[in-house]
Amino acid sequence: MTRANSATFAKATGRRAFSRTLGLALLGVSMVGLSACGGGARPRTELSAAQLNTIGVNAYLWRAALDTVSFAPLLQADSSGGVIVTDWYSNPSNPNERVKLTVTILDQDLRADALRVAASRQVNEAGNWVEAPVQAATVQKLEDIILTKARDLRRQAIAS
């Protein structure tokens, strides 16, 4: 087999395996949903990393991140790439300051290093928005809030 043919074969095999895995995941999700209708005891499944989902990143981190930044208008929410970008947000109690957030989910596992938050801050000086520093503690606090919510969502899913 030539190198080009083996590369084509590897790609086709990888696509088939991915399609098969995705199909099995969707079947499993639909079966769990149907089992709730049967009145009997539901089978307990381990939802450890929330990897059986239709998005490209950890579902618990994704939902927790969306919930955490919901105070600001969204510019972009790409679940397959794991990127959430907000528009500028000004707190009504401090209209001379605004922030913009970017949340990136880097993995399908629920881990602290699978999450990155970046923030931009501007202050209004004589009618012009000027870049201002963001305290590192602010970004760390947002990451902590998202991680805590994601862990709570996971616990709730396992308990039910």
N, C-alpha and C. Protein backbone atom coordinates (compact mmCIF):
# COMPACT_ATOMS: atom_id res chain seq x y z
N MET A 1 0.86 -1.17 0.00
CA MET A 1 0.00 0.00 0.00
C MET A 1 0.90 1.23 0.00
N THR A 2 0.61 2.18 -0.85
CA THR A 2 1.44 3.39 -0.91
C THR A 2 1.16 4.26 0.29
N ARG A 3 2.06 5.22 0.50
CA ARG A 3 1.91 6.14 1.64
C ARG A 3 0.62 6.95 1.51
N ALA A 4 0.28 7.42 0.32
CA ALA A 4 -0.95 8.20 0.11
C ALA A 4 -2.17 7.33 0.38
N ASN A 5 -2.15 6.07 -0.10
CA ASN A 5 -3.28 5.18 0.14
C ASN A 5 -3.43 4.87 1.63
N SER A 6 -2.32 4.66 2.33
CA SER A 6 -2.42 4.35 3.75
C SER A 6 -2.95 5.55 4.53
N ALA A 7 -2.58 6.76 4.12
CA ALA A 7 -3.10 7.96 4.79
C ALA A 7 -4.60 8.08 4.56
N THR A 8 -5.05 7.83 3.32
CA THR A 8 -6.48 7.89 3.00
C THR A 8 -7.23 6.83 3.79
N PHE A 9 -6.65 5.61 3.86
CA PHE A 9 -7.29 4.53 4.61
C PHE A 9 -7.40 4.89 6.09
N ALA A 10 -6.34 5.48 6.65
CA ALA A 10 -6.35 5.86 8.07
C ALA A 10 -7.41 6.91 8.34
N LYS A 11 -7.55 7.90 7.43
CA LYS A 11 -8.57 8.93 7.61
C LYS A 11 -9.96 8.32 7.56
N ALA A 12 -10.20 7.45 6.58
CA ALA A 12 -11.52 6.82 6.44
C ALA A 12 -11.84 5.95 7.65
N THR A 13 -10.85 5.22 8.13
CA THR A 13 -11.05 4.37 9.31
C THR A 13 -11.35 5.23 10.54
N GLY A 14 -10.62 6.33 10.68
CA GLY A 14 -10.86 7.24 11.80
C GLY A 14 -12.25 7.85 11.76
N ARG A 15 -12.71 8.23 10.56
CA ARG A 15 -14.06 8.78 10.42
C ARG A 15 -15.11 7.74 10.77
N ARG A 16 -14.90 6.51 10.30
CA ARG A 16 -15.88 5.45 10.62
C ARG A 16 -15.93 5.20 12.11
N ALA A 17 -14.77 5.16 12.75
CA ALA A 17 -14.73 4.93 14.19
C ALA A 17 -15.42 6.08 14.93
N PHE A 18 -15.17 7.32 14.49
CA PHE A 18 -15.82 8.47 15.12
C PHE A 18 -17.32 8.40 14.92
N SER A 19 -17.76 8.10 13.69
CA SER A 19 -19.20 8.01 13.41
C SER A 19 -19.84 6.91 14.26
N ARG A 20 -19.17 5.79 14.38
CA ARG A 20 -19.70 4.68 15.18
C ARG A 20 -19.79 5.09 16.65
N THR A 21 -18.74 5.74 17.16
CA THR A 21 -18.74 6.19 18.55
C THR A 21 -19.84 7.21 18.79
N LEU A 22 -19.99 8.16 17.87
CA LEU A 22 -21.03 9.17 18.00
C LEU A 22 -22.41 8.52 17.95
N GLY A 23 -22.61 7.58 17.06
CA GLY A 23 -23.89 6.88 16.96
C GLY A 23 -24.21 6.12 18.23
N LEU A 24 -23.22 5.44 18.80
CA LEU A 24 -23.43 4.72 20.05
C LEU A 24 -23.73 5.68 21.20
N ALA A 25 -23.05 6.81 21.21
CA ALA A 25 -23.30 7.79 22.27
C ALA A 25 -24.72 8.32 22.18
N LEU A 26 -25.17 8.64 20.98
CA LEU A 26 -26.53 9.14 20.80
C LEU A 26 -27.55 8.07 21.16
N LEU A 27 -27.28 6.83 20.80
CA LEU A 27 -28.16 5.73 21.16
C LEU A 27 -28.23 5.59 22.68
N GLY A 28 -27.08 5.66 23.33
CA GLY A 28 -27.05 5.55 24.79
C GLY A 28 -27.84 6.67 25.47
N VAL A 29 -27.68 7.89 24.97
CA VAL A 29 -28.41 9.02 25.54
C VAL A 29 -29.91 8.83 25.35
N SER A 30 -30.34 8.37 24.17
CA SER A 30 -31.76 8.18 23.94
C SER A 30 -32.31 7.03 24.79
N MET A 31 -31.51 6.01 25.03
CA MET A 31 -31.96 4.89 25.86
C MET A 31 -32.14 5.34 27.31
N VAL A 32 -31.22 6.17 27.80
CA VAL A 32 -31.36 6.67 29.16
C VAL A 32 -32.63 7.50 29.28
N GLY A 33 -32.91 8.32 28.28
CA GLY A 33 -34.14 9.11 28.28
C GLY A 33 -35.37 8.24 28.27
N LEU A 34 -35.36 7.17 27.48
CA LEU A 34 -36.51 6.27 27.42
C LEU A 34 -36.67 5.47 28.70
N SER A 35 -35.58 5.15 29.35
CA SER A 35 -35.68 4.36 30.58
C SER A 35 -36.40 5.13 31.68
N ALA A 36 -36.36 6.44 31.61
CA ALA A 36 -37.05 7.25 32.62
C ALA A 36 -38.56 7.12 32.47
N CYS A 37 -39.04 6.74 31.29
CA CYS A 37 -40.47 6.62 31.06
C CYS A 37 -41.01 5.28 31.53
N GLY A 38 -40.16 4.32 31.81
CA GLY A 38 -40.62 2.97 32.08
C GLY A 38 -41.14 2.71 33.48
N GLY A 39 -40.96 3.59 34.41
CA GLY A 39 -41.47 3.40 35.75
C GLY A 39 -40.57 2.54 36.62
N GLY A 40 -39.67 1.77 36.03
CA GLY A 40 -38.76 0.94 36.81
C GLY A 40 -37.57 1.76 37.27
N ALA A 41 -36.69 1.10 37.97
CA ALA A 41 -35.49 1.79 38.42
C ALA A 41 -34.61 2.10 37.24
N ARG A 42 -34.10 3.32 37.21
CA ARG A 42 -33.20 3.72 36.13
C ARG A 42 -31.82 3.16 36.36
N PRO A 43 -31.16 2.73 35.29
CA PRO A 43 -29.78 2.26 35.48
C PRO A 43 -28.88 3.44 35.84
N ARG A 44 -27.99 3.21 36.80
CA ARG A 44 -27.05 4.27 37.18
C ARG A 44 -25.84 4.17 36.28
N THR A 45 -25.50 5.26 35.69
CA THR A 45 -24.32 5.30 34.82
C THR A 45 -23.36 6.33 35.35
N GLU A 46 -22.12 6.10 35.11
CA GLU A 46 -21.10 7.04 35.54
C GLU A 46 -20.98 8.14 34.49
N LEU A 47 -21.18 9.36 34.92
CA LEU A 47 -21.10 10.51 34.03
C LEU A 47 -19.82 11.29 34.33
N SER A 48 -18.76 10.59 34.63
CA SER A 48 -17.56 11.20 35.19
C SER A 48 -17.04 12.40 34.42
N ALA A 49 -16.89 12.29 33.13
CA ALA A 49 -16.29 13.40 32.41
C ALA A 49 -17.25 14.04 31.42
N ALA A 50 -18.47 13.60 31.37
CA ALA A 50 -19.47 14.12 30.44
C ALA A 50 -18.95 14.08 29.01
N GLN A 51 -18.33 12.99 28.64
CA GLN A 51 -17.76 12.90 27.31
C GLN A 51 -18.78 12.42 26.29
N LEU A 52 -19.90 11.89 26.74
CA LEU A 52 -20.93 11.45 25.81
C LEU A 52 -21.88 12.60 25.57
N ASN A 53 -21.47 13.52 24.75
CA ASN A 53 -22.29 14.67 24.44
C ASN A 53 -22.11 15.05 22.98
N THR A 54 -22.92 15.96 22.53
CA THR A 54 -22.85 16.34 21.13
C THR A 54 -22.01 17.59 20.93
N ILE A 55 -21.40 18.09 21.99
CA ILE A 55 -20.52 19.24 21.85
C ILE A 55 -19.08 18.77 21.98
N GLY A 56 -18.16 19.60 21.56
CA GLY A 56 -16.76 19.18 21.51
C GLY A 56 -16.00 19.31 22.80
N VAL A 57 -16.64 19.84 23.84
CA VAL A 57 -15.95 20.08 25.10
C VAL A 57 -16.76 19.51 26.25
N ASN A 58 -16.24 19.60 27.45
CA ASN A 58 -16.94 19.09 28.63
C ASN A 58 -18.27 19.83 28.80
N ALA A 59 -19.36 19.08 28.84
CA ALA A 59 -20.70 19.67 28.91
C ALA A 59 -20.93 20.43 30.21
N TYR A 60 -20.38 19.94 31.32
CA TYR A 60 -20.56 20.62 32.60
C TYR A 60 -19.83 21.96 32.62
N LEU A 61 -18.60 21.97 32.11
CA LEU A 61 -17.86 23.23 32.02
C LEU A 61 -18.57 24.21 31.09
N TRP A 62 -19.08 23.71 29.97
CA TRP A 62 -19.76 24.55 29.01
C TRP A 62 -20.98 25.23 29.63
N ARG A 63 -21.83 24.43 30.25
CA ARG A 63 -23.05 24.99 30.85
C ARG A 63 -22.72 25.94 32.00
N ALA A 64 -21.74 25.59 32.81
CA ALA A 64 -21.34 26.45 33.93
C ALA A 64 -20.76 27.77 33.43
N ALA A 65 -19.97 27.71 32.37
CA ALA A 65 -19.39 28.94 31.81
C ALA A 65 -20.48 29.84 31.23
N LEU A 66 -21.41 29.25 30.48
CA LEU A 66 -22.51 30.06 29.94
C LEU A 66 -23.31 30.71 31.05
N ASP A 67 -23.59 29.96 32.10
CA ASP A 67 -24.35 30.49 33.22
C ASP A 67 -23.58 31.61 33.92
N THR A 68 -22.31 31.44 34.10
CA THR A 68 -21.49 32.41 34.82
C THR A 68 -21.38 33.74 34.08
N VAL A 69 -21.26 33.71 32.77
CA VAL A 69 -21.12 34.95 32.00
C VAL A 69 -22.45 35.47 31.45
N SER A 70 -23.55 34.90 31.91
CA SER A 70 -24.86 35.28 31.37
C SER A 70 -25.26 36.71 31.70
N PHE A 71 -24.55 37.37 32.61
CA PHE A 71 -24.85 38.76 32.92
C PHE A 71 -24.49 39.69 31.76
N ALA A 72 -23.59 39.25 30.88
CA ALA A 72 -23.13 40.07 29.76
C ALA A 72 -23.70 39.53 28.45
N PRO A 73 -23.93 40.41 27.46
CA PRO A 73 -24.41 39.92 26.17
C PRO A 73 -23.35 39.08 25.47
N LEU A 74 -23.79 38.00 24.81
CA LEU A 74 -22.85 37.10 24.13
C LEU A 74 -22.58 37.59 22.71
N LEU A 75 -21.32 37.55 22.30
CA LEU A 75 -20.94 37.80 20.92
C LEU A 75 -20.77 36.49 20.18
N GLN A 76 -20.22 35.49 20.87
CA GLN A 76 -19.94 34.21 20.24
C GLN A 76 -20.05 33.10 21.27
N ALA A 77 -20.65 32.00 20.87
CA ALA A 77 -20.70 30.81 21.71
C ALA A 77 -20.55 29.60 20.79
N ASP A 78 -19.35 29.07 20.72
CA ASP A 78 -19.02 27.96 19.83
C ASP A 78 -18.76 26.72 20.67
N SER A 79 -19.78 25.86 20.78
CA SER A 79 -19.66 24.68 21.65
C SER A 79 -18.69 23.64 21.10
N SER A 80 -18.53 23.56 19.80
CA SER A 80 -17.58 22.57 19.27
C SER A 80 -16.14 23.02 19.49
N GLY A 81 -15.89 24.31 19.45
CA GLY A 81 -14.56 24.82 19.71
C GLY A 81 -14.32 25.18 21.16
N GLY A 82 -15.41 25.30 21.94
CA GLY A 82 -15.29 25.60 23.35
C GLY A 82 -14.96 27.05 23.66
N VAL A 83 -15.46 27.98 22.84
CA VAL A 83 -15.15 29.39 23.05
C VAL A 83 -16.43 30.18 23.28
N ILE A 84 -16.41 30.99 24.34
CA ILE A 84 -17.51 31.90 24.65
C ILE A 84 -16.90 33.30 24.73
N VAL A 85 -17.45 34.23 23.96
CA VAL A 85 -16.97 35.61 23.97
C VAL A 85 -18.16 36.52 24.27
N THR A 86 -18.00 37.37 25.27
CA THR A 86 -19.06 38.33 25.59
C THR A 86 -18.77 39.66 24.91
N ASP A 87 -19.80 40.46 24.79
CA ASP A 87 -19.63 41.84 24.36
C ASP A 87 -19.25 42.66 25.59
N TRP A 88 -18.96 43.92 25.38
CA TRP A 88 -18.62 44.79 26.50
C TRP A 88 -19.82 44.90 27.43
N TYR A 89 -19.54 44.84 28.73
CA TYR A 89 -20.59 44.95 29.74
C TYR A 89 -20.18 46.02 30.75
N SER A 90 -21.12 46.94 31.02
CA SER A 90 -20.92 47.95 32.06
C SER A 90 -21.91 47.70 33.17
N ASN A 91 -21.41 47.64 34.37
CA ASN A 91 -22.27 47.51 35.54
C ASN A 91 -23.02 48.83 35.70
N PRO A 92 -24.35 48.78 35.84
CA PRO A 92 -25.11 50.02 35.98
C PRO A 92 -24.64 50.91 37.14
N SER A 93 -24.08 50.31 38.17
CA SER A 93 -23.60 51.11 39.30
C SER A 93 -22.23 51.75 39.02
N ASN A 94 -21.57 51.34 37.93
CA ASN A 94 -20.27 51.90 37.57
C ASN A 94 -20.19 52.02 36.04
N PRO A 95 -20.92 52.97 35.44
CA PRO A 95 -21.00 53.06 33.98
C PRO A 95 -19.72 53.54 33.29
N ASN A 96 -18.73 53.99 34.05
CA ASN A 96 -17.47 54.45 33.45
C ASN A 96 -16.43 53.36 33.33
N GLU A 97 -16.86 52.13 33.53
CA GLU A 97 -15.97 50.98 33.42
C GLU A 97 -16.72 49.87 32.70
N ARG A 98 -16.02 49.15 31.83
CA ARG A 98 -16.66 48.03 31.14
C ARG A 98 -15.68 46.87 30.99
N VAL A 99 -16.23 45.66 30.90
CA VAL A 99 -15.41 44.46 30.77
C VAL A 99 -15.91 43.60 29.62
N LYS A 100 -15.00 42.83 29.09
CA LYS A 100 -15.30 41.87 28.02
C LYS A 100 -14.58 40.58 28.40
N LEU A 101 -15.29 39.44 28.28
CA LEU A 101 -14.73 38.17 28.72
C LEU A 101 -14.62 37.19 27.57
N THR A 102 -13.59 36.37 27.63
CA THR A 102 -13.45 35.23 26.73
C THR A 102 -13.18 34.00 27.59
N VAL A 103 -14.06 33.01 27.44
CA VAL A 103 -13.89 31.75 28.17
C VAL A 103 -13.55 30.68 27.14
N THR A 104 -12.49 29.96 27.38
CA THR A 104 -12.08 28.88 26.49
C THR A 104 -12.04 27.58 27.29
N ILE A 105 -12.75 26.57 26.77
CA ILE A 105 -12.72 25.25 27.37
C ILE A 105 -11.84 24.40 26.48
N LEU A 106 -10.81 23.82 27.06
CA LEU A 106 -9.74 23.21 26.29
C LEU A 106 -9.80 21.69 26.19
N ASP A 107 -10.73 21.05 26.91
CA ASP A 107 -10.70 19.60 26.98
C ASP A 107 -12.09 19.07 27.24
N GLN A 108 -12.26 17.76 27.09
CA GLN A 108 -13.53 17.11 27.39
C GLN A 108 -13.60 16.65 28.84
N ASP A 109 -12.50 16.73 29.55
CA ASP A 109 -12.48 16.32 30.95
C ASP A 109 -12.78 17.50 31.85
N LEU A 110 -13.41 17.23 32.97
CA LEU A 110 -13.72 18.24 33.97
C LEU A 110 -12.51 18.40 34.88
N ARG A 111 -11.60 19.29 34.46
CA ARG A 111 -10.37 19.55 35.20
C ARG A 111 -10.12 21.05 35.21
N ALA A 112 -9.41 21.51 36.21
CA ALA A 112 -9.12 22.94 36.32
C ALA A 112 -8.30 23.45 35.14
N ASP A 113 -7.39 22.63 34.64
CA ASP A 113 -6.56 23.10 33.52
C ASP A 113 -7.26 22.98 32.17
N ALA A 114 -8.52 22.58 32.16
CA ALA A 114 -9.30 22.53 30.93
C ALA A 114 -10.08 23.82 30.70
N LEU A 115 -9.83 24.82 31.52
CA LEU A 115 -10.58 26.07 31.47
C LEU A 115 -9.63 27.26 31.48
N ARG A 116 -9.90 28.23 30.62
CA ARG A 116 -9.11 29.46 30.61
C ARG A 116 -10.07 30.64 30.45
N VAL A 117 -9.93 31.62 31.32
CA VAL A 117 -10.73 32.84 31.23
C VAL A 117 -9.78 34.01 30.98
N ALA A 118 -10.14 34.85 30.02
CA ALA A 118 -9.40 36.07 29.75
C ALA A 118 -10.38 37.24 29.85
N ALA A 119 -9.92 38.33 30.42
CA ALA A 119 -10.78 39.49 30.60
C ALA A 119 -10.07 40.74 30.09
N SER A 120 -10.86 41.61 29.48
CA SER A 120 -10.37 42.93 29.08
C SER A 120 -11.20 43.96 29.83
N ARG A 121 -10.55 45.03 30.21
CA ARG A 121 -11.25 46.08 30.97
C ARG A 121 -10.90 47.42 30.37
N GLN A 122 -11.91 48.27 30.28
CA GLN A 122 -11.70 49.63 29.80
C GLN A 122 -12.39 50.61 30.74
N VAL A 123 -11.80 51.79 30.85
CA VAL A 123 -12.40 52.87 31.64
C VAL A 123 -12.63 54.05 30.71
N ASN A 124 -13.68 54.80 31.02
CA ASN A 124 -14.04 55.95 30.21
C ASN A 124 -13.33 57.19 30.75
N GLU A 125 -12.46 57.73 29.92
CA GLU A 125 -11.72 58.94 30.28
C GLU A 125 -12.06 60.02 29.28
N ALA A 126 -12.80 61.01 29.71
CA ALA A 126 -13.20 62.15 28.88
C ALA A 126 -13.90 61.70 27.59
N GLY A 127 -14.76 60.68 27.71
CA GLY A 127 -15.53 60.22 26.55
C GLY A 127 -14.84 59.17 25.70
N ASN A 128 -13.62 58.80 26.03
CA ASN A 128 -12.88 57.77 25.28
C ASN A 128 -12.66 56.55 26.16
N TRP A 129 -12.87 55.38 25.58
CA TRP A 129 -12.61 54.13 26.32
C TRP A 129 -11.13 53.82 26.21
N VAL A 130 -10.50 53.67 27.37
CA VAL A 130 -9.05 53.43 27.44
C VAL A 130 -8.82 52.10 28.15
N GLU A 131 -7.89 51.30 27.60
CA GLU A 131 -7.56 50.01 28.21
C GLU A 131 -7.06 50.22 29.64
N ALA A 132 -7.49 49.32 30.51
CA ALA A 132 -7.08 49.37 31.91
C ALA A 132 -6.71 47.96 32.34
N PRO A 133 -5.87 47.82 33.34
CA PRO A 133 -5.47 46.48 33.79
C PRO A 133 -6.62 45.75 34.48
N VAL A 134 -6.57 44.43 34.35
CA VAL A 134 -7.52 43.56 35.03
C VAL A 134 -6.75 42.86 36.15
N GLN A 135 -7.32 42.84 37.33
CA GLN A 135 -6.65 42.16 38.43
C GLN A 135 -6.66 40.66 38.17
N ALA A 136 -5.53 40.02 38.40
CA ALA A 136 -5.43 38.57 38.20
C ALA A 136 -6.42 37.83 39.08
N ALA A 137 -6.72 38.38 40.25
CA ALA A 137 -7.67 37.73 41.16
C ALA A 137 -9.07 37.69 40.55
N THR A 138 -9.41 38.66 39.71
CA THR A 138 -10.72 38.68 39.06
C THR A 138 -10.87 37.49 38.13
N VAL A 139 -9.87 37.25 37.30
CA VAL A 139 -9.90 36.13 36.37
C VAL A 139 -9.91 34.81 37.14
N GLN A 140 -9.10 34.71 38.18
CA GLN A 140 -9.04 33.49 38.99
C GLN A 140 -10.38 33.22 39.65
N LYS A 141 -11.05 34.27 40.13
CA LYS A 141 -12.36 34.11 40.78
C LYS A 141 -13.40 33.60 39.77
N LEU A 142 -13.39 34.13 38.55
CA LEU A 142 -14.32 33.65 37.52
C LEU A 142 -14.07 32.18 37.20
N GLU A 143 -12.81 31.80 37.08
CA GLU A 143 -12.49 30.40 36.83
C GLU A 143 -12.98 29.51 37.97
N ASP A 144 -12.79 29.96 39.20
CA ASP A 144 -13.24 29.19 40.37
C ASP A 144 -14.77 29.03 40.37
N ILE A 145 -15.48 30.10 40.04
CA ILE A 145 -16.94 30.05 40.00
C ILE A 145 -17.41 29.04 38.95
N ILE A 146 -16.80 29.09 37.77
CA ILE A 146 -17.18 28.16 36.69
C ILE A 146 -16.90 26.73 37.09
N LEU A 147 -15.71 26.47 37.65
CA LEU A 147 -15.35 25.11 38.07
C LEU A 147 -16.28 24.59 39.16
N THR A 148 -16.63 25.43 40.11
CA THR A 148 -17.53 25.02 41.19
C THR A 148 -18.91 24.68 40.63
N LYS A 149 -19.42 25.52 39.73
CA LYS A 149 -20.73 25.24 39.12
C LYS A 149 -20.69 23.95 38.30
N ALA A 150 -19.60 23.74 37.58
CA ALA A 150 -19.48 22.53 36.76
C ALA A 150 -19.47 21.29 37.64
N ARG A 151 -18.75 21.34 38.74
CA ARG A 151 -18.71 20.19 39.66
C ARG A 151 -20.09 19.94 40.28
N ASP A 152 -20.81 21.03 40.61
CA ASP A 152 -22.16 20.88 41.14
C ASP A 152 -23.10 20.25 40.11
N LEU A 153 -22.99 20.67 38.86
CA LEU A 153 -23.81 20.09 37.79
C LEU A 153 -23.51 18.60 37.64
N ARG A 154 -22.25 18.24 37.72
CA ARG A 154 -21.87 16.83 37.61
C ARG A 154 -22.44 16.01 38.77
N ARG A 155 -22.32 16.56 39.99
CA ARG A 155 -22.89 15.86 41.16
C ARG A 155 -24.39 15.68 41.02
N GLN A 156 -25.09 16.69 40.56
CA GLN A 156 -26.54 16.60 40.37
C GLN A 156 -26.89 15.54 39.33
N ALA A 157 -26.11 15.48 38.25
CA ALA A 157 -26.39 14.50 37.20
C ALA A 157 -26.17 13.07 37.69
N ILE A 158 -25.15 12.88 38.49
CA ILE A 158 -24.87 11.53 39.00
C ILE A 158 -25.93 11.13 40.03
N ALA A 159 -26.38 12.08 40.84
CA ALA A 159 -27.35 11.79 41.88
C ALA A 159 -28.73 11.45 41.31
N SER A 160 -29.04 11.98 40.13
CA SER A 160 -30.39 11.73 39.58
C SER A 160 -30.46 10.49 38.72
